């Protein structure tokens, strides 16, 4: 049986298993169902030796790394212990990805890229400039390799740079981890201590500039008193958020939840009426997928991720500004839960991503 080793070099907070589902694990489990063995290599700064654990039939290996910001590197020879037939490089403009690729070439190990971002819209001017430089440093590696990307927008940008061996393989939901919620919504709201008689908007995300969380308060201030906002998240904009809530006298209409394990967040999607997304730079939108999967009506401002995921008026709603969002809500328009869920189940589960990668490259490259 051929073995795929998935390597991620980004050392950020998204890998916290309690609060976010590790995407690499979901993909690996789907590849196993297609007849491969899978090992996932994850960076860890608190270890001196690698630590292994199983996630179903996928082996997770947490390796000790050195980091520069969110960029990590480790002793590449550790990969040889797992005898990879092919390696998936989750590079995303990682500073040390070219070093990993050089090692794989030296050892004659096939590889391919899975790319989520090629530029950064977060942070200040210098961070964005660094990301731009790292991207152009990576181009020569992308141009000589098979590249799977998460959105058509990224595929288009790579094509403009004459990188042609590109296929879209979107992020998916891991339905082993994310279970559909069912039952009486009134009872669920009572258990969650949510107002049972109100219409509820839900915002989930970091309270940072790129997520535009302050707009959730702006939208609520434009709606009648029968609407409330459930706000889940923390971040540097929290003081400004508090000021805005007070300024609009919305304290009694905003329910604050700082942070929840992902399994508990699913109940909030099911219990609320609208999931709202205000990021203008949203690259994909895992929360959007989760909300749709739980049958919650999604209302998002236009951005690359929402524009790709949502069929406007069919599986969710897209808007150009807050005024349009308000008008959609006040019109009483909702999406049938079955239609929202269908969009996810037919297009954005990991089994679909694994099929695209397998049929588009892996099977042929490994000769299976």
Protein backbone atom coordinates (compact mmCIF):
# COMPACT_ATOMS: atom_id res chain seq x y z
CA UNK A 1 0.00 0.00 0.00
CA UNK A 2 1.41 3.38 -1.02
CA UNK A 3 2.02 5.97 1.69
CA UNK A 4 1.27 9.69 1.49
CA UNK A 5 2.96 11.97 4.01
CA UNK A 6 1.32 15.36 4.46
CA UNK A 7 3.65 18.04 5.83
CA UNK A 8 2.44 21.38 7.16
CA UNK A 9 5.00 24.03 8.07
CA UNK A 10 2.70 26.82 9.28
CA UNK A 11 2.96 27.16 13.05
CA UNK A 12 -0.14 29.04 14.04
CA UNK A 13 -3.14 28.60 16.31
CA UNK A 14 -5.37 26.81 13.81
CA UNK A 15 -3.94 23.43 14.79
CA UNK A 16 -5.47 23.57 18.27
CA UNK A 17 -7.51 20.40 18.06
CA UNK A 18 -10.10 21.46 20.62
CA UNK A 19 -11.04 24.70 18.91
CA UNK A 20 -10.45 23.98 15.25
CA UNK A 21 -10.50 20.81 13.18
CA UNK A 22 -7.09 19.98 11.74
CA UNK A 23 -7.68 20.12 8.01
CA UNK A 24 -4.77 17.83 7.22
CA UNK A 25 -6.38 15.06 9.27
CA UNK A 26 -9.69 15.32 7.43
CA UNK A 27 -7.97 15.09 4.06
CA UNK A 28 -5.74 12.24 5.21
CA UNK A 29 -8.71 10.18 6.38
CA UNK A 30 -10.36 10.66 3.00
CA UNK A 31 -7.18 9.56 1.20
CA UNK A 32 -7.03 6.44 3.37
CA UNK A 33 -10.51 5.54 2.15
CA UNK A 34 -9.08 5.66 -1.37
CA UNK A 35 -6.55 2.94 -0.53
CA UNK A 36 -3.50 4.81 0.79
CA UNK A 37 -1.69 4.94 4.10
CA UNK A 38 -1.39 8.49 5.43
CA UNK A 39 0.92 10.19 7.90
CA UNK A 40 0.45 13.84 8.88
CA UNK A 41 3.49 15.81 10.06
CA UNK A 42 2.59 18.77 12.31
CA UNK A 43 4.97 21.33 13.89
CA UNK A 44 5.34 21.50 17.68
CA UNK A 45 7.51 23.95 19.61
CA UNK A 46 7.13 22.23 22.99
CA UNK A 47 8.69 18.86 22.11
CA UNK A 48 12.25 17.54 22.04
CA UNK A 49 11.42 14.33 20.20
CA UNK A 50 8.59 13.47 17.82
CA UNK A 51 5.30 12.35 19.35
CA UNK A 52 2.91 10.06 17.52
CA UNK A 53 -0.81 9.57 17.99
CA UNK A 54 -3.61 8.08 15.94
CA UNK A 55 -6.63 9.90 14.57
CA UNK A 56 -8.72 6.99 13.38
CA UNK A 57 -6.56 5.24 10.81
CA UNK A 58 -4.28 8.26 10.27
CA UNK A 59 -0.97 8.66 12.08
CA UNK A 60 -0.30 12.17 13.39
CA UNK A 61 3.32 12.99 14.08
CA UNK A 62 4.10 16.15 16.05
CA UNK A 63 7.73 17.05 15.39
CA UNK A 64 9.97 19.48 17.30
CA UNK A 65 10.55 22.58 15.19
CA UNK A 66 12.37 25.88 15.19
CA UNK A 67 10.25 28.84 14.18
CA UNK A 68 10.50 32.31 12.76
CA UNK A 69 7.07 33.77 13.39
CA UNK A 70 4.61 31.29 11.87
CA UNK A 71 7.34 29.75 9.68
CA UNK A 72 8.76 26.47 10.94
CA UNK A 73 11.46 24.00 9.99
CA UNK A 74 12.67 20.71 11.38
CA UNK A 75 15.18 17.97 10.66
CA UNK A 76 13.88 16.84 7.28
CA UNK A 77 15.46 13.41 7.82
CA UNK A 78 12.58 12.64 10.17
CA UNK A 79 10.47 12.17 7.04
CA UNK A 80 12.57 9.17 6.05
CA UNK A 81 11.40 7.32 9.16
CA UNK A 82 7.92 7.20 7.62
CA UNK A 83 9.01 5.95 4.18
CA UNK A 84 6.88 8.29 2.04
CA UNK A 85 5.99 7.29 -1.49
CA UNK A 86 4.86 10.87 -2.08
CA UNK A 87 4.76 14.03 0.04
CA UNK A 88 2.09 16.72 0.12
CA UNK A 89 3.74 20.05 0.90
CA UNK A 90 1.41 22.53 2.57
CA UNK A 91 3.69 25.45 1.85
CA UNK A 92 1.53 28.59 1.68
CA UNK A 93 4.58 30.83 1.14
CA UNK A 94 6.37 29.29 4.09
CA UNK A 95 9.92 30.56 4.41
CA UNK A 96 11.42 27.07 4.64
CA UNK A 97 9.27 25.28 2.05
CA UNK A 98 12.01 25.56 -0.63
CA UNK A 99 14.42 23.85 1.77
CA UNK A 100 11.96 20.99 2.20
CA UNK A 101 11.51 20.70 -1.56
CA UNK A 102 15.28 20.63 -2.08
CA UNK A 103 15.52 17.76 0.42
CA UNK A 104 12.76 15.81 -1.33
CA UNK A 105 14.45 16.27 -4.69
CA UNK A 106 17.78 15.12 -3.27
CA UNK A 107 16.13 11.98 -1.90
CA UNK A 108 14.14 11.47 -5.12
CA UNK A 109 10.82 11.58 -3.28
CA UNK A 110 7.83 12.75 -5.37
CA UNK A 111 5.85 15.68 -4.01
CA UNK A 112 3.07 18.11 -4.82
CA UNK A 113 1.80 21.36 -3.31
CA UNK A 114 -1.50 22.17 -1.63
CA UNK A 115 -1.84 25.95 -1.57
CA UNK A 116 -4.33 27.98 0.44
CA UNK A 117 -2.88 31.49 0.17
CA UNK A 118 -0.34 33.26 -1.99
CA UNK A 119 -0.62 36.69 -0.39
CA UNK A 120 -1.56 38.03 3.02
CA UNK A 121 -4.20 40.61 3.77
CA UNK A 122 -3.47 40.46 7.49
CA UNK A 123 -1.05 42.52 9.53
CA UNK A 124 0.76 45.65 8.52
CA UNK A 125 2.54 46.83 5.43
CA UNK A 126 5.78 45.02 6.22
CA UNK A 127 4.10 41.67 6.77
CA UNK A 128 2.26 41.94 3.47
CA UNK A 129 5.50 42.88 1.71
CA UNK A 130 7.26 39.87 3.24
CA UNK A 131 4.48 37.60 2.03
CA UNK A 132 4.76 39.08 -1.45
CA UNK A 133 8.51 38.41 -1.53
CA UNK A 134 8.07 34.87 -0.26
CA UNK A 135 5.44 34.23 -2.92
CA UNK A 136 7.74 35.30 -5.75
CA UNK A 137 10.49 33.19 -4.20
CA UNK A 138 8.12 30.22 -4.36
CA UNK A 139 7.03 30.72 -7.95
CA UNK A 140 9.87 28.70 -9.45
CA UNK A 141 8.91 25.75 -7.24
CA UNK A 142 5.21 26.04 -8.07
CA UNK A 143 5.99 26.32 -11.75
CA UNK A 144 7.83 23.00 -11.77
CA UNK A 145 5.38 21.09 -9.60
CA UNK A 146 1.80 19.91 -9.45
CA UNK A 147 -0.21 22.48 -7.53
CA UNK A 148 -3.60 21.89 -5.95
CA UNK A 149 -5.23 25.09 -4.73
CA UNK A 150 -8.21 25.77 -2.50
CA UNK A 151 -10.09 28.31 -4.65
CA UNK A 152 -10.51 29.25 -8.31
CA UNK A 153 -9.17 32.72 -7.48
CA UNK A 154 -5.78 31.30 -6.51
CA UNK A 155 -5.79 29.10 -9.62
CA UNK A 156 -6.44 32.18 -11.76
CA UNK A 157 -3.63 34.15 -10.16
CA UNK A 158 -1.16 31.31 -10.65
CA UNK A 159 -2.26 30.86 -14.27
CA UNK A 160 -1.57 34.56 -14.91
CA UNK A 161 1.99 33.91 -13.78
CA UNK A 162 2.32 31.08 -16.33
CA UNK A 163 1.97 28.35 -13.70
CA UNK A 164 -0.32 26.00 -15.56
CA UNK A 165 -0.26 22.64 -13.75
CA UNK A 166 -2.92 23.78 -11.29
CA UNK A 167 -6.14 22.12 -10.13
CA UNK A 168 -8.77 23.41 -7.70
CA UNK A 169 -9.26 21.06 -4.74
CA UNK A 170 -11.37 22.92 -2.18
CA UNK A 171 -11.17 22.55 1.57
CA UNK A 172 -13.76 20.18 2.97
CA UNK A 173 -15.60 19.35 6.15
CA UNK A 174 -14.69 16.29 8.18
CA UNK A 175 -18.07 14.74 8.91
CA UNK A 176 -16.47 12.25 11.29
CA UNK A 177 -15.78 15.21 13.56
CA UNK A 178 -18.62 17.58 12.66
CA UNK A 179 -21.94 15.92 13.29
CA UNK A 180 -25.23 17.36 12.09
CA UNK A 181 -27.28 18.86 14.89
CA UNK A 182 -30.97 18.02 15.09
CA UNK A 183 -33.86 18.37 17.49
CA UNK A 184 -36.04 21.15 18.84
CA UNK A 185 -34.46 24.59 18.41
CA UNK A 186 -36.37 26.12 21.29
CA UNK A 187 -35.01 23.49 23.66
CA UNK A 188 -31.51 24.00 22.30
CA UNK A 189 -31.75 27.77 22.76
CA UNK A 190 -32.91 27.24 26.31
CA UNK A 191 -29.92 25.00 27.02
CA UNK A 192 -27.52 27.51 25.44
CA UNK A 193 -29.17 30.36 27.38
CA UNK A 194 -30.13 32.12 24.16
CA UNK A 195 -33.32 34.20 23.91
CA UNK A 196 -35.97 31.87 22.57
CA UNK A 197 -38.29 34.55 21.15
CA UNK A 198 -35.74 36.61 19.22
CA UNK A 199 -34.32 36.33 15.71
CA UNK A 200 -30.62 35.61 16.12
CA UNK A 201 -27.65 36.67 14.02
CA UNK A 202 -24.43 34.74 14.61
CA UNK A 203 -20.87 36.01 14.13
CA UNK A 204 -17.94 33.67 14.76
CA UNK A 205 -14.35 34.74 14.19
CA UNK A 206 -11.31 36.53 15.46
CA UNK A 207 -12.00 40.11 16.46
CA UNK A 208 -9.38 41.44 14.05
CA UNK A 209 -9.47 43.96 11.21
CA UNK A 210 -9.52 41.41 8.39
CA UNK A 211 -12.73 39.85 9.76
CA UNK A 212 -14.50 43.25 10.07
CA UNK A 213 -16.34 42.19 13.26
CA UNK A 214 -17.45 45.75 14.07
CA UNK A 215 -19.83 45.54 11.14
CA UNK A 216 -21.86 42.96 13.02
CA UNK A 217 -22.75 45.66 15.55
CA UNK A 218 -23.44 48.15 12.74
CA UNK A 219 -25.82 45.67 11.12
CA UNK A 220 -27.59 44.94 14.40
CA UNK A 221 -28.07 48.67 15.03
CA UNK A 222 -29.99 48.89 11.73
CA UNK A 223 -32.40 46.11 12.68
CA UNK A 224 -35.51 46.20 14.91
CA UNK A 225 -35.38 45.23 18.58
CA UNK A 226 -36.59 41.71 17.83
CA UNK A 227 -33.10 40.88 16.49
CA UNK A 228 -30.12 39.96 18.66
CA UNK A 229 -26.50 39.12 17.89
CA UNK A 230 -24.55 36.12 19.20
CA UNK A 231 -20.88 37.11 19.05
CA UNK A 232 -18.27 34.35 19.44
CA UNK A 233 -14.61 35.33 19.36
CA UNK A 234 -11.74 37.26 20.89
CA UNK A 235 -9.11 39.59 19.52
CA UNK A 236 -7.47 42.99 19.53
CA UNK A 237 -10.67 44.78 18.47
CA UNK A 238 -12.52 43.73 21.60
CA UNK A 239 -12.23 47.18 23.29
CA UNK A 240 -13.57 48.91 20.18
CA UNK A 241 -16.31 46.32 19.92
CA UNK A 242 -17.37 47.06 23.49
CA UNK A 243 -17.34 50.80 22.82
CA UNK A 244 -19.49 50.35 19.73
CA UNK A 245 -22.01 48.17 21.57
CA UNK A 246 -22.33 50.82 24.29
CA UNK A 247 -22.53 53.69 21.78
CA UNK A 248 -25.47 52.03 20.01
CA UNK A 249 -27.08 50.99 23.32
CA UNK A 250 -27.07 47.34 22.24
CA UNK A 251 -25.80 45.73 25.43
CA UNK A 252 -29.00 43.78 26.03
CA UNK A 253 -29.14 42.58 22.41
CA UNK A 254 -25.60 41.18 22.16
CA UNK A 255 -24.76 37.77 23.62
CA UNK A 256 -21.00 37.40 24.07
CA UNK A 257 -19.14 34.08 24.02
CA UNK A 258 -15.36 34.34 24.10
CA UNK A 259 -14.38 30.92 22.83
CA UNK A 260 -15.84 27.45 22.38
CA UNK A 261 -14.59 24.02 21.30
CA UNK A 262 -15.59 23.42 17.69
CA UNK A 263 -17.96 20.60 18.63
CA UNK A 264 -19.98 23.03 20.77
CA UNK A 265 -20.03 25.74 18.12
CA UNK A 266 -22.14 23.46 15.93
CA UNK A 267 -25.09 23.91 18.29
CA UNK A 268 -24.97 27.68 17.81
CA UNK A 269 -25.13 27.37 14.01
CA UNK A 270 -28.25 25.23 14.36
CA UNK A 271 -29.85 27.47 16.98
CA UNK A 272 -29.40 30.79 15.13
CA UNK A 273 -31.28 32.22 12.16
CA UNK A 274 -28.46 33.88 10.17
CA UNK A 275 -24.72 33.39 10.11
CA UNK A 276 -23.11 36.68 9.03
CA UNK A 277 -19.67 37.12 7.47
CA UNK A 278 -18.15 40.55 6.86
CA UNK A 279 -14.59 39.84 5.70
CA UNK A 280 -13.80 41.39 2.32
CA UNK A 281 -10.67 39.24 1.99
CA UNK A 282 -12.06 35.87 3.12
CA UNK A 283 -9.94 33.33 1.28
CA UNK A 284 -12.23 30.39 1.93
CA UNK A 285 -14.51 30.29 4.95
CA UNK A 286 -14.68 27.15 7.07
CA UNK A 287 -17.29 28.74 9.34
CA UNK A 288 -19.44 29.39 6.29
CA UNK A 289 -19.29 25.70 5.37
CA UNK A 290 -20.11 24.62 8.91
CA UNK A 291 -23.07 27.00 9.13
CA UNK A 292 -24.46 25.78 5.82
CA UNK A 293 -23.96 22.16 6.85
CA UNK A 294 -26.04 22.79 9.97
CA UNK A 295 -28.78 24.42 7.89
CA UNK A 296 -28.17 28.00 9.05
CA UNK A 297 -28.84 30.73 6.47
CA UNK A 298 -25.49 32.34 5.57
CA UNK A 299 -25.33 36.03 4.67
CA UNK A 300 -21.89 37.20 3.53
CA UNK A 301 -20.30 40.21 1.93
CA UNK A 302 -18.67 39.49 -1.41
CA UNK A 303 -15.18 38.00 -1.04
CA UNK A 304 -13.26 35.21 -2.85
CA UNK A 305 -14.31 32.45 -0.44
CA UNK A 306 -18.02 33.27 -0.07
CA UNK A 307 -18.34 33.97 -3.80
CA UNK A 308 -16.97 30.47 -4.49
CA UNK A 309 -18.91 28.57 -1.85
CA UNK A 310 -22.33 30.24 -1.95
CA UNK A 311 -24.87 30.04 -4.77
CA UNK A 312 -26.51 33.42 -4.22
CA UNK A 313 -30.15 33.01 -3.30
CA UNK A 314 -29.95 29.21 -3.49
CA UNK A 315 -27.59 28.01 -0.75
CA UNK A 316 -26.94 31.37 0.92
CA UNK A 317 -26.96 35.10 0.26
CA UNK A 318 -24.21 37.43 -0.99
CA UNK A 319 -24.32 41.18 -0.47
CA UNK A 320 -22.28 44.19 -1.48
CA UNK A 321 -22.71 46.20 1.71
CA UNK A 322 -24.43 46.40 5.09
CA UNK A 323 -27.53 48.02 3.60
CA UNK A 324 -28.06 45.06 1.28
CA UNK A 325 -27.58 42.64 4.17
CA UNK A 326 -30.17 44.52 6.23
CA UNK A 327 -32.67 44.46 3.36
CA UNK A 328 -32.26 40.72 2.87
CA UNK A 329 -32.89 40.09 6.57
CA UNK A 330 -35.89 42.43 6.78
CA UNK A 331 -37.41 40.82 3.70
CA UNK A 332 -37.65 37.60 5.70
CA UNK A 333 -35.70 35.63 3.10
CA UNK A 334 -34.24 32.38 4.37
CA UNK A 335 -32.50 29.43 2.77
CA UNK A 336 -34.00 25.99 3.18
CA UNK A 337 -31.68 23.97 5.44
CA UNK A 338 -31.68 21.12 2.92
CA UNK A 339 -30.45 23.43 0.14
CA UNK A 340 -27.64 24.87 2.27
CA UNK A 341 -26.56 21.40 3.39
CA UNK A 342 -26.75 19.98 -0.13
CA UNK A 343 -24.23 22.52 -1.42
CA UNK A 344 -21.70 21.39 1.18
CA UNK A 345 -22.36 17.67 0.88
CA UNK A 346 -22.06 17.67 -2.90
CA UNK A 347 -18.98 19.89 -3.18
CA UNK A 348 -17.14 20.56 0.07
CA UNK A 349 -16.45 17.33 1.92
CA UNK A 350 -12.91 15.95 2.16
CA UNK A 351 -13.88 12.90 0.11
CA UNK A 352 -14.37 15.20 -2.90
CA UNK A 353 -10.97 16.84 -2.34
CA UNK A 354 -9.25 13.46 -2.03
CA UNK A 355 -10.85 12.25 -5.26
CA UNK A 356 -9.64 15.33 -7.17
CA UNK A 357 -6.08 14.89 -5.88
CA UNK A 358 -6.02 11.14 -6.45
CA UNK A 359 -7.51 11.12 -9.92
CA UNK A 360 -5.76 14.36 -10.93
CA UNK A 361 -2.22 13.41 -9.95
CA UNK A 362 -1.39 10.99 -7.11
CA UNK A 363 -2.56 7.77 -8.76
CA UNK A 364 -0.76 8.49 -11.99
CA UNK A 365 2.44 9.66 -10.26
CA UNK A 366 2.61 6.55 -8.09
CA UNK A 367 1.58 4.20 -10.86
CA UNK A 368 -1.36 2.68 -8.98
